[in-house]
Amino acid sequence: EDETRYETLLRKDTEQTQTLITDAGLPAPICY
């Protein structure tokens, strides 16, 4: 897998969870 494609996938996946949590009114996660 291309490094750029991998980083984009991991960033997008992680940001989706961050958004779900913060949009629910919960504090942004700082631990993965």
Full PDB file with SEQRES, HELIX, SHEET, SSBOND, CRYST1, ORIGX, SCALE, CONECT and MASTER records, all heavy atoms in Angstrom:
SEQRES   1 A   32  GLU ASP GLU THR ARG TYR GLU THR LEU LEU ARG LYS ASP          
SEQRES   2 A   32  THR GLU GLN THR GLN THR LEU ILE THR ASP ALA GLY LEU          
SEQRES   3 A   32  PRO ALA PRO ILE CYS TYR                                      
HELIX    1 AA1 GLU A    3  ASP A   23  1                                  21    
CRYST1    1.000    1.000    1.000  90.00  90.00  90.00 P 1           1          
ORIGX1      1.000000  0.000000  0.000000        0.00000                         
ORIGX2      0.000000  1.000000  0.000000        0.00000                         
ORIGX3      0.000000  0.000000  1.000000        0.00000                         
SCALE1      1.000000  0.000000  0.000000        0.00000                         
SCALE2      0.000000  1.000000  0.000000        0.00000                         
SCALE3      0.000000  0.000000  1.000000        0.00000                         
ATOM      1  N   GLU A   1       0.840  -1.199   0.000  1.00  0.00           N  
ATOM      2  CA  GLU A   1       0.000   0.000   0.000  1.00  0.00           C  
ATOM      3  C   GLU A   1       0.877   1.251   0.000  1.00  0.00           C  
ATOM      4  O   GLU A   1       1.828   1.360   0.776  1.00  0.00           O  
ATOM      5  CB  GLU A   1      -0.901  -0.003   1.233  1.00  0.00           C  
ATOM      6  CG  GLU A   1      -1.899   1.124   1.285  1.00  0.00           C  
ATOM      7  CD  GLU A   1      -2.873   0.975   2.443  1.00  0.00           C  
ATOM      8  OE1 GLU A   1      -2.521   0.354   3.472  1.00  0.00           O  
ATOM      9  OE2 GLU A   1      -3.988   1.479   2.324  1.00  0.00           O  
ATOM     10  N   ASP A   2       0.544   2.180  -0.852  1.00  0.00           N  
ATOM     11  CA  ASP A   2       1.250   3.460  -0.948  1.00  0.00           C  
ATOM     12  C   ASP A   2       1.150   4.195   0.394  1.00  0.00           C  
ATOM     13  O   ASP A   2       0.088   4.241   1.013  1.00  0.00           O  
ATOM     14  CB  ASP A   2       0.604   4.274  -2.079  1.00  0.00           C  
ATOM     15  CG  ASP A   2       1.135   5.674  -2.157  1.00  0.00           C  
ATOM     16  OD1 ASP A   2       2.241   5.838  -2.720  1.00  0.00           O  
ATOM     17  OD2 ASP A   2       0.451   6.593  -1.663  1.00  0.00           O  
ATOM     18  N   GLU A   3       2.254   4.794   0.838  1.00  0.00           N  
ATOM     19  CA  GLU A   3       2.308   5.473   2.131  1.00  0.00           C  
ATOM     20  C   GLU A   3       1.290   6.604   2.232  1.00  0.00           C  
ATOM     21  O   GLU A   3       0.610   6.753   3.250  1.00  0.00           O  
ATOM     22  CB  GLU A   3       3.719   6.015   2.373  1.00  0.00           C  
ATOM     23  CG  GLU A   3       3.900   6.625   3.732  1.00  0.00           C  
ATOM     24  CD  GLU A   3       5.335   7.086   3.980  1.00  0.00           C  
ATOM     25  OE1 GLU A   3       6.245   6.703   3.235  1.00  0.00           O  
ATOM     26  OE2 GLU A   3       5.507   7.856   4.943  1.00  0.00           O  
ATOM     27  N   THR A   4       1.162   7.392   1.179  1.00  0.00           N  
ATOM     28  CA  THR A   4       0.213   8.509   1.193  1.00  0.00           C  
ATOM     29  C   THR A   4      -1.220   8.005   1.294  1.00  0.00           C  
ATOM     30  O   THR A   4      -2.027   8.549   2.056  1.00  0.00           O  
ATOM     31  CB  THR A   4       0.386   9.380  -0.070  1.00  0.00           C  
ATOM     32  OG1 THR A   4       1.731   9.848  -0.119  1.00  0.00           O  
ATOM     33  CG2 THR A   4      -0.570  10.561  -0.061  1.00  0.00           C  
ATOM     34  N   ARG A   5      -1.531   6.963   0.556  1.00  0.00           N  
ATOM     35  CA  ARG A   5      -2.887   6.394   0.596  1.00  0.00           C  
ATOM     36  C   ARG A   5      -3.183   5.847   1.994  1.00  0.00           C  
ATOM     37  O   ARG A   5      -4.276   6.029   2.529  1.00  0.00           O  
ATOM     38  CB  ARG A   5      -3.007   5.292  -0.453  1.00  0.00           C  
ATOM     39  CG  ARG A   5      -4.367   4.670  -0.495  1.00  0.00           C  
ATOM     40  CD  ARG A   5      -4.446   3.650  -1.582  1.00  0.00           C  
ATOM     41  NE  ARG A   5      -5.657   3.927  -2.322  1.00  0.00           N  
ATOM     42  CZ  ARG A   5      -6.053   3.273  -3.366  1.00  0.00           C  
ATOM     43  NH1 ARG A   5      -5.312   2.325  -3.867  1.00  0.00           N  
ATOM     44  NH2 ARG A   5      -7.175   3.573  -3.948  1.00  0.00           N  
ATOM     45  N   TYR A   6      -2.199   5.172   2.586  1.00  0.00           N  
ATOM     46  CA  TYR A   6      -2.364   4.627   3.932  1.00  0.00           C  
ATOM     47  C   TYR A   6      -2.615   5.743   4.940  1.00  0.00           C  
ATOM     48  O   TYR A   6      -3.548   5.666   5.745  1.00  0.00           O  
ATOM     49  CB  TYR A   6      -1.130   3.819   4.341  1.00  0.00           C  
ATOM     50  CG  TYR A   6      -1.091   3.519   5.816  1.00  0.00           C  
ATOM     51  CD1 TYR A   6      -1.972   2.594   6.377  1.00  0.00           C  
ATOM     52  CD2 TYR A   6      -0.211   4.186   6.659  1.00  0.00           C  
ATOM     53  CE1 TYR A   6      -1.963   2.338   7.737  1.00  0.00           C  
ATOM     54  CE2 TYR A   6      -0.194   3.926   8.023  1.00  0.00           C  
ATOM     55  CZ  TYR A   6      -1.073   3.010   8.557  1.00  0.00           C  
ATOM     56  OH  TYR A   6      -1.068   2.756   9.899  1.00  0.00           O  
ATOM     57  N   GLU A   7      -1.797   6.783   4.914  1.00  0.00           N  
ATOM     58  CA  GLU A   7      -1.958   7.886   5.860  1.00  0.00           C  
ATOM     59  C   GLU A   7      -3.312   8.567   5.703  1.00  0.00           C  
ATOM     60  O   GLU A   7      -3.942   8.939   6.693  1.00  0.00           O  
ATOM     61  CB  GLU A   7      -0.820   8.889   5.705  1.00  0.00           C  
ATOM     62  CG  GLU A   7       0.493   8.368   6.235  1.00  0.00           C  
ATOM     63  CD  GLU A   7       1.640   9.359   6.098  1.00  0.00           C  
ATOM     64  OE1 GLU A   7       1.412  10.499   5.630  1.00  0.00           O  
ATOM     65  OE2 GLU A   7       2.764   8.977   6.466  1.00  0.00           O  
ATOM     66  N   THR A   8      -3.774   8.712   4.460  1.00  0.00           N  
ATOM     67  CA  THR A   8      -5.087   9.308   4.206  1.00  0.00           C  
ATOM     68  C   THR A   8      -6.190   8.441   4.805  1.00  0.00           C  
ATOM     69  O   THR A   8      -7.109   8.948   5.452  1.00  0.00           O  
ATOM     70  CB  THR A   8      -5.305   9.498   2.691  1.00  0.00           C  
ATOM     71  OG1 THR A   8      -4.286  10.365   2.186  1.00  0.00           O  
ATOM     72  CG2 THR A   8      -6.679  10.080   2.392  1.00  0.00           C  
ATOM     73  N   LEU A   9      -6.095   7.133   4.617  1.00  0.00           N  
ATOM     74  CA  LEU A   9      -7.088   6.196   5.158  1.00  0.00           C  
ATOM     75  C   LEU A   9      -7.126   6.274   6.680  1.00  0.00           C  
ATOM     76  O   LEU A   9      -8.200   6.415   7.276  1.00  0.00           O  
ATOM     77  CB  LEU A   9      -6.765   4.761   4.721  1.00  0.00           C  
ATOM     78  CG  LEU A   9      -7.601   3.698   5.438  1.00  0.00           C  
ATOM     79  CD1 LEU A   9      -8.839   3.377   4.631  1.00  0.00           C  
ATOM     80  CD2 LEU A   9      -6.780   2.454   5.693  1.00  0.00           C  
ATOM     81  N   LEU A  10      -5.962   6.181   7.327  1.00  0.00           N  
ATOM     82  CA  LEU A  10      -5.917   6.195   8.789  1.00  0.00           C  
ATOM     83  C   LEU A  10      -6.404   7.535   9.347  1.00  0.00           C  
ATOM     84  O   LEU A  10      -7.173   7.572  10.306  1.00  0.00           O  
ATOM     85  CB  LEU A  10      -4.504   5.888   9.296  1.00  0.00           C  
ATOM     86  CG  LEU A  10      -4.333   5.853  10.813  1.00  0.00           C  
ATOM     87  CD1 LEU A  10      -5.297   4.868  11.468  1.00  0.00           C  
ATOM     88  CD2 LEU A  10      -2.887   5.517  11.165  1.00  0.00           C  
ATOM     89  N   ARG A  11      -6.000   8.628   8.723  1.00  0.00           N  
ATOM     90  CA  ARG A  11      -6.447   9.958   9.174  1.00  0.00           C  
ATOM     91  C   ARG A  11      -7.973  10.090   9.034  1.00  0.00           C  
ATOM     92  O   ARG A  11      -8.660  10.507   9.966  1.00  0.00           O  
ATOM     93  CB  ARG A  11      -5.748  11.060   8.389  1.00  0.00           C  
ATOM     94  CG  ARG A  11      -6.140  12.473   8.833  1.00  0.00           C  
ATOM     95  CD  ARG A  11      -5.414  13.545   8.047  1.00  0.00           C  
ATOM     96  NE  ARG A  11      -3.977  13.491   8.219  1.00  0.00           N  
ATOM     97  CZ  ARG A  11      -3.323  14.026   9.249  1.00  0.00           C  
ATOM     98  NH1 ARG A  11      -3.992  14.668  10.193  1.00  0.00           N  
ATOM     99  NH2 ARG A  11      -2.017  13.934   9.338  1.00  0.00           N  
ATOM    100  N   LYS A  12      -8.512   9.718   7.884  1.00  0.00           N  
ATOM    101  CA  LYS A  12      -9.959   9.837   7.651  1.00  0.00           C  
ATOM    102  C   LYS A  12     -10.738   8.964   8.637  1.00  0.00           C  
ATOM    103  O   LYS A  12     -11.726   9.406   9.221  1.00  0.00           O  
ATOM    104  CB  LYS A  12     -10.293   9.448   6.212  1.00  0.00           C  
ATOM    105  CG  LYS A  12     -11.757   9.576   5.884  1.00  0.00           C  
ATOM    106  CD  LYS A  12     -12.044   9.219   4.443  1.00  0.00           C  
ATOM    107  CE  LYS A  12     -13.540   9.284   4.183  1.00  0.00           C  
ATOM    108  NZ  LYS A  12     -13.899   8.846   2.846  1.00  0.00           N  
ATOM    109  N   ASP A  13     -10.287   7.724   8.824  1.00  0.00           N  
ATOM    110  CA  ASP A  13     -10.956   6.809   9.741  1.00  0.00           C  
ATOM    111  C   ASP A  13     -10.952   7.372  11.161  1.00  0.00           C  
ATOM    112  O   ASP A  13     -11.984   7.390  11.836  1.00  0.00           O  
ATOM    113  CB  ASP A  13     -10.253   5.444   9.702  1.00  0.00           C  
ATOM    114  CG  ASP A  13     -10.926   4.431  10.592  1.00  0.00           C  
ATOM    115  OD1 ASP A  13     -11.831   3.731  10.115  1.00  0.00           O  
ATOM    116  OD2 ASP A  13     -10.551   4.346  11.789  1.00  0.00           O  
ATOM    117  N   THR A  14      -9.797   7.860  11.596  1.00  0.00           N  
ATOM    118  CA  THR A  14      -9.656   8.406  12.945  1.00  0.00           C  
ATOM    119  C   THR A  14     -10.502   9.664  13.117  1.00  0.00           C  
ATOM    120  O   THR A  14     -11.179   9.837  14.143  1.00  0.00           O  
ATOM    121  CB  THR A  14      -8.167   8.695  13.234  1.00  0.00           C  
ATOM    122  OG1 THR A  14      -7.422   7.482  13.056  1.00  0.00           O  
ATOM    123  CG2 THR A  14      -7.963   9.214  14.637  1.00  0.00           C  
ATOM    124  N   GLU A  15     -10.496  10.533  12.121  1.00  0.00           N  
ATOM    125  CA  GLU A  15     -11.285  11.768  12.194  1.00  0.00           C  
ATOM    126  C   GLU A  15     -12.783  11.478  12.243  1.00  0.00           C  
ATOM    127  O   GLU A  15     -13.531  12.219  12.891  1.00  0.00           O  
ATOM    128  CB  GLU A  15     -10.948  12.677  11.016  1.00  0.00           C  
ATOM    129  CG  GLU A  15      -9.572  13.328  11.160  1.00  0.00           C  
ATOM    130  CD  GLU A  15      -9.123  14.093   9.925  1.00  0.00           C  
ATOM    131  OE1 GLU A  15      -9.739  13.955   8.842  1.00  0.00           O  
ATOM    132  OE2 GLU A  15      -8.122  14.839  10.044  1.00  0.00           O  
ATOM    133  N   GLN A  16     -13.239  10.408  11.575  1.00  0.00           N  
ATOM    134  CA  GLN A  16     -14.669  10.066  11.624  1.00  0.00           C  
ATOM    135  C   GLN A  16     -15.096   9.767  13.056  1.00  0.00           C  
ATOM    136  O   GLN A  16     -16.167  10.185  13.489  1.00  0.00           O  
ATOM    137  CB  GLN A  16     -14.972   8.860  10.723  1.00  0.00           C  
ATOM    138  CG  GLN A  16     -15.231   9.235   9.293  1.00  0.00           C  
ATOM    139  CD  GLN A  16     -15.717   8.040   8.499  1.00  0.00           C  
ATOM    140  OE1 GLN A  16     -14.909   7.279   7.983  1.00  0.00           O  
ATOM    141  NE2 GLN A  16     -17.010   7.884   8.415  1.00  0.00           N  
ATOM    142  N   THR A  17     -14.263   9.045  13.779  1.00  0.00           N  
ATOM    143  CA  THR A  17     -14.603   8.736  15.167  1.00  0.00           C  
ATOM    144  C   THR A  17     -14.528   9.989  16.036  1.00  0.00           C  
ATOM    145  O   THR A  17     -15.405  10.218  16.866  1.00  0.00           O  
ATOM    146  CB  THR A  17     -13.680   7.638  15.724  1.00  0.00           C  
ATOM    147  OG1 THR A  17     -13.819   6.477  14.905  1.00  0.00           O  
ATOM    148  CG2 THR A  17     -14.036   7.288  17.155  1.00  0.00           C  
ATOM    149  N   GLN A  18     -13.505  10.802  15.813  1.00  0.00           N  
ATOM    150  CA  GLN A  18     -13.392  12.059  16.569  1.00  0.00           C  
ATOM    151  C   GLN A  18     -14.652  12.900  16.366  1.00  0.00           C  
ATOM    152  O   GLN A  18     -15.203  13.446  17.324  1.00  0.00           O  
ATOM    153  CB  GLN A  18     -12.156  12.851  16.131  1.00  0.00           C  
ATOM    154  CG  GLN A  18     -10.817  12.199  16.438  1.00  0.00           C  
ATOM    155  CD  GLN A  18     -10.482  12.130  17.903  1.00  0.00           C  
ATOM    156  OE1 GLN A  18     -10.693  11.095  18.534  1.00  0.00           O  
ATOM    157  NE2 GLN A  18      -9.965  13.208  18.454  1.00  0.00           N  
ATOM    158  N   THR A  19     -15.108  13.003  15.141  1.00  0.00           N  
ATOM    159  CA  THR A  19     -16.289  13.799  14.815  1.00  0.00           C  
ATOM    160  C   THR A  19     -17.546  13.217  15.465  1.00  0.00           C  
ATOM    161  O   THR A  19     -18.353  13.955  16.030  1.00  0.00           O  
ATOM    162  CB  THR A  19     -16.461  13.900  13.286  1.00  0.00           C  
ATOM    163  OG1 THR A  19     -15.295  14.543  12.744  1.00  0.00           O  
ATOM    164  CG2 THR A  19     -17.702  14.677  12.912  1.00  0.00           C  
ATOM    165  N   LEU A  20     -17.710  11.898  15.383  1.00  0.00           N  
ATOM    166  CA  LEU A  20     -18.871  11.259  16.005  1.00  0.00           C  
ATOM    167  C   LEU A  20     -18.927  11.609  17.488  1.00  0.00           C  
ATOM    168  O   LEU A  20     -19.973  11.990  18.010  1.00  0.00           O  
ATOM    169  CB  LEU A  20     -18.809   9.733  15.827  1.00  0.00           C  
ATOM    170  CG  LEU A  20     -19.883   8.943  16.580  1.00  0.00           C  
ATOM    171  CD1 LEU A  20     -21.211   9.011  15.840  1.00  0.00           C  
ATOM    172  CD2 LEU A  20     -19.449   7.512  16.776  1.00  0.00           C  
ATOM    173  N   ILE A  21     -17.803  11.491  18.151  1.00  0.00           N  
ATOM    174  CA  ILE A  21     -17.744  11.722  19.597  1.00  0.00           C  
ATOM    175  C   ILE A  21     -17.972  13.197  19.935  1.00  0.00           C  
ATOM    176  O   ILE A  21     -18.779  13.525  20.805  1.00  0.00           O  
ATOM    177  CB  ILE A  21     -16.416  11.183  20.164  1.00  0.00           C  
ATOM    178  CG1 ILE A  21     -16.396   9.650  20.042  1.00  0.00           C  
ATOM    179  CG2 ILE A  21     -16.211  11.636  21.607  1.00  0.00           C  
ATOM    180  CD1 ILE A  21     -15.047   9.010  20.297  1.00  0.00           C  
ATOM    181  N   THR A  22     -17.287  14.090  19.254  1.00  0.00           N  
ATOM    182  CA  THR A  22     -17.433  15.523  19.580  1.00  0.00           C  
ATOM    183  C   THR A  22     -18.799  16.065  19.160  1.00  0.00           C  
ATOM    184  O   THR A  22     -19.364  16.900  19.863  1.00  0.00           O  
ATOM    185  CB  THR A  22     -16.298  16.360  18.966  1.00  0.00           C  
ATOM    186  OG1 THR A  22     -16.275  16.173  17.552  1.00  0.00           O  
ATOM    187  CG2 THR A  22     -14.948  15.976  19.568  1.00  0.00           C  
ATOM    188  N   ASP A  23     -19.336  15.588  18.043  1.00  0.00           N  
ATOM    189  CA  ASP A  23     -20.682  16.017  17.636  1.00  0.00           C  
ATOM    190  C   ASP A  23     -21.745  15.562  18.624  1.00  0.00           C  
ATOM    191  O   ASP A  23     -22.814  16.152  18.709  1.00  0.00           O  
ATOM    192  CB  ASP A  23     -21.029  15.500  16.234  1.00  0.00           C  
ATOM    193  CG  ASP A  23     -20.345  16.288  15.122  1.00  0.00           C  
ATOM    194  OD1 ASP A  23     -19.619  17.268  15.423  1.00  0.00           O  
ATOM    195  OD2 ASP A  23     -20.526  15.907  13.942  1.00  0.00           O  
ATOM    196  N   ALA A  24     -21.440  14.510  19.384  1.00  0.00           N  
ATOM    197  CA  ALA A  24     -22.373  14.027  20.408  1.00  0.00           C  
ATOM    198  C   ALA A  24     -22.255  14.840  21.694  1.00  0.00           C  
ATOM    199  O   ALA A  24     -22.950  14.572  22.671  1.00  0.00           O  
ATOM    200  CB  ALA A  24     -22.105  12.555  20.690  1.00  0.00           C  
ATOM    201  N   GLY A  25     -21.360  15.843  21.696  1.00  0.00           N  
ATOM    202  CA  GLY A  25     -21.202  16.682  22.868  1.00  0.00           C  
ATOM    203  C   GLY A  25     -20.216  16.134  23.887  1.00  0.00           C  
ATOM    204  O   GLY A  25     -20.162  16.609  25.019  1.00  0.00           O  
ATOM    205  N   LEU A  26     -19.440  15.133  23.493  1.00  0.00           N  
ATOM    206  CA  LEU A  26     -18.440  14.552  24.384  1.00  0.00           C  
ATOM    207  C   LEU A  26     -17.079  15.177  24.094  1.00  0.00           C  
ATOM    208  O   LEU A  26     -16.829  15.641  22.985  1.00  0.00           O  
ATOM    209  CB  LEU A  26     -18.379  13.033  24.178  1.00  0.00           C  
ATOM    210  CG  LEU A  26     -19.677  12.285  24.509  1.00  0.00           C  
ATOM    211  CD1 LEU A  26     -19.646  10.875  23.933  1.00  0.00           C  
ATOM    212  CD2 LEU A  26     -19.886  12.246  26.008  1.00  0.00           C  
ATOM    213  N   PRO A  27     -16.174  15.181  25.076  1.00  0.00           N  
ATOM    214  CA  PRO A  27     -14.840  15.740  24.854  1.00  0.00           C  
ATOM    215  C   PRO A  27     -14.088  14.967  23.762  1.00  0.00           C  
ATOM    216  O   PRO A  27     -14.239  13.748  23.631  1.00  0.00           O  
ATOM    217  CB  PRO A  27     -14.136  15.569  26.207  1.00  0.00           C  
ATOM    218  CG  PRO A  27     -15.231  15.390  27.197  1.00  0.00           C  
ATOM    219  CD  PRO A  27     -16.367  14.739  26.457  1.00  0.00           C  
ATOM    220  N   ALA A  28     -13.260  15.690  23.014  1.00  0.00           N  
ATOM    221  CA  ALA A  28     -12.470  15.056  21.956  1.00  0.00           C  
ATOM    222  C   ALA A  28     -11.485  14.063  22.571  1.00  0.00           C  
ATOM    223  O   ALA A  28     -10.775  14.399  23.522  1.00  0.00           O  
ATOM    224  CB  ALA A  28     -11.709  16.115  21.157  1.00  0.00           C  
ATOM    225  N   PRO A  29     -11.442  12.843  22.054  1.00  0.00           N  
ATOM    226  CA  PRO A  29     -10.489  11.851  22.555  1.00  0.00           C  
ATOM    227  C   PRO A  29      -9.044  12.312  22.382  1.00  0.00           C  
ATOM    228  O   PRO A  29      -8.702  12.950  21.385  1.00  0.00           O  
ATOM    229  CB  PRO A  29     -10.765  10.623  21.688  1.00  0.00           C  
ATOM    230  CG  PRO A  29     -12.200  10.773  21.278  1.00  0.00           C  
ATOM    231  CD  PRO A  29     -12.353  12.251  21.061  1.00  0.00           C  
ATOM    232  N   ILE A  30      -8.219  11.957  23.355  1.00  0.00           N  
ATOM    233  CA  ILE A  30      -6.788  12.241  23.293  1.00  0.00           C  
ATOM    234  C   ILE A  30      -5.963  10.955  23.342  1.00  0.00           C  
ATOM    235  O   ILE A  30      -4.743  10.990  23.306  1.00  0.00           O  
ATOM    236  CB  ILE A  30      -6.349  13.197  24.424  1.00  0.00           C  
ATOM    237  CG1 ILE A  30      -6.682  12.615  25.788  1.00  0.00           C  
ATOM    238  CG2 ILE A  30      -6.970  14.579  24.227  1.00  0.00           C  
ATOM    239  CD1 ILE A  30      -6.095  13.375  26.963  1.00  0.00           C  
ATOM    240  N   CYS A  31      -6.660   9.822  23.429  1.00  0.00           N  
ATOM    241  CA  CYS A  31      -6.003   8.518  23.470  1.00  0.00           C  
ATOM    242  C   CYS A  31      -6.560   7.655  22.334  1.00  0.00           C  
ATOM    243  O   CYS A  31      -7.760   7.697  22.051  1.00  0.00           O  
ATOM    244  CB  CYS A  31      -6.255   7.840  24.815  1.00  0.00           C  
ATOM    245  SG  CYS A  31      -5.434   6.242  24.974  1.00  0.00           S  
ATOM    246  N   TYR A  32      -5.696   6.916  21.693  1.00  0.00           N  
ATOM    247  CA  TYR A  32      -6.099   6.019  20.607  1.00  0.00           C  
ATOM    248  C   TYR A  32      -5.747   4.593  21.014  1.00  0.00           C  
ATOM    249  O   TYR A  32      -4.609   4.314  21.393  1.00  0.00           O  
ATOM    250  CB  TYR A  32      -5.366   6.378  19.315  1.00  0.00           C  
ATOM    251  CG  TYR A  32      -5.869   5.614  18.108  1.00  0.00           C  
ATOM    252  CD1 TYR A  32      -6.869   6.142  17.310  1.00  0.00           C  
ATOM    253  CD2 TYR A  32      -5.342   4.374  17.775  1.00  0.00           C  
ATOM    254  CE1 TYR A  32      -7.341   5.455  16.205  1.00  0.00           C  
ATOM    255  CE2 TYR A  32      -5.811   3.680  16.675  1.00  0.00           C  
ATOM    256  CZ  TYR A  32      -6.806   4.218  15.892  1.00  0.00           C  
ATOM    257  OH  TYR A  32      -7.283   3.533  14.812  1.00  0.00           O  
TER     258      TYR A  32                                                      
MASTER        0    0    0    1    0    0    0    6  257    1    0    3          
END                                                                             
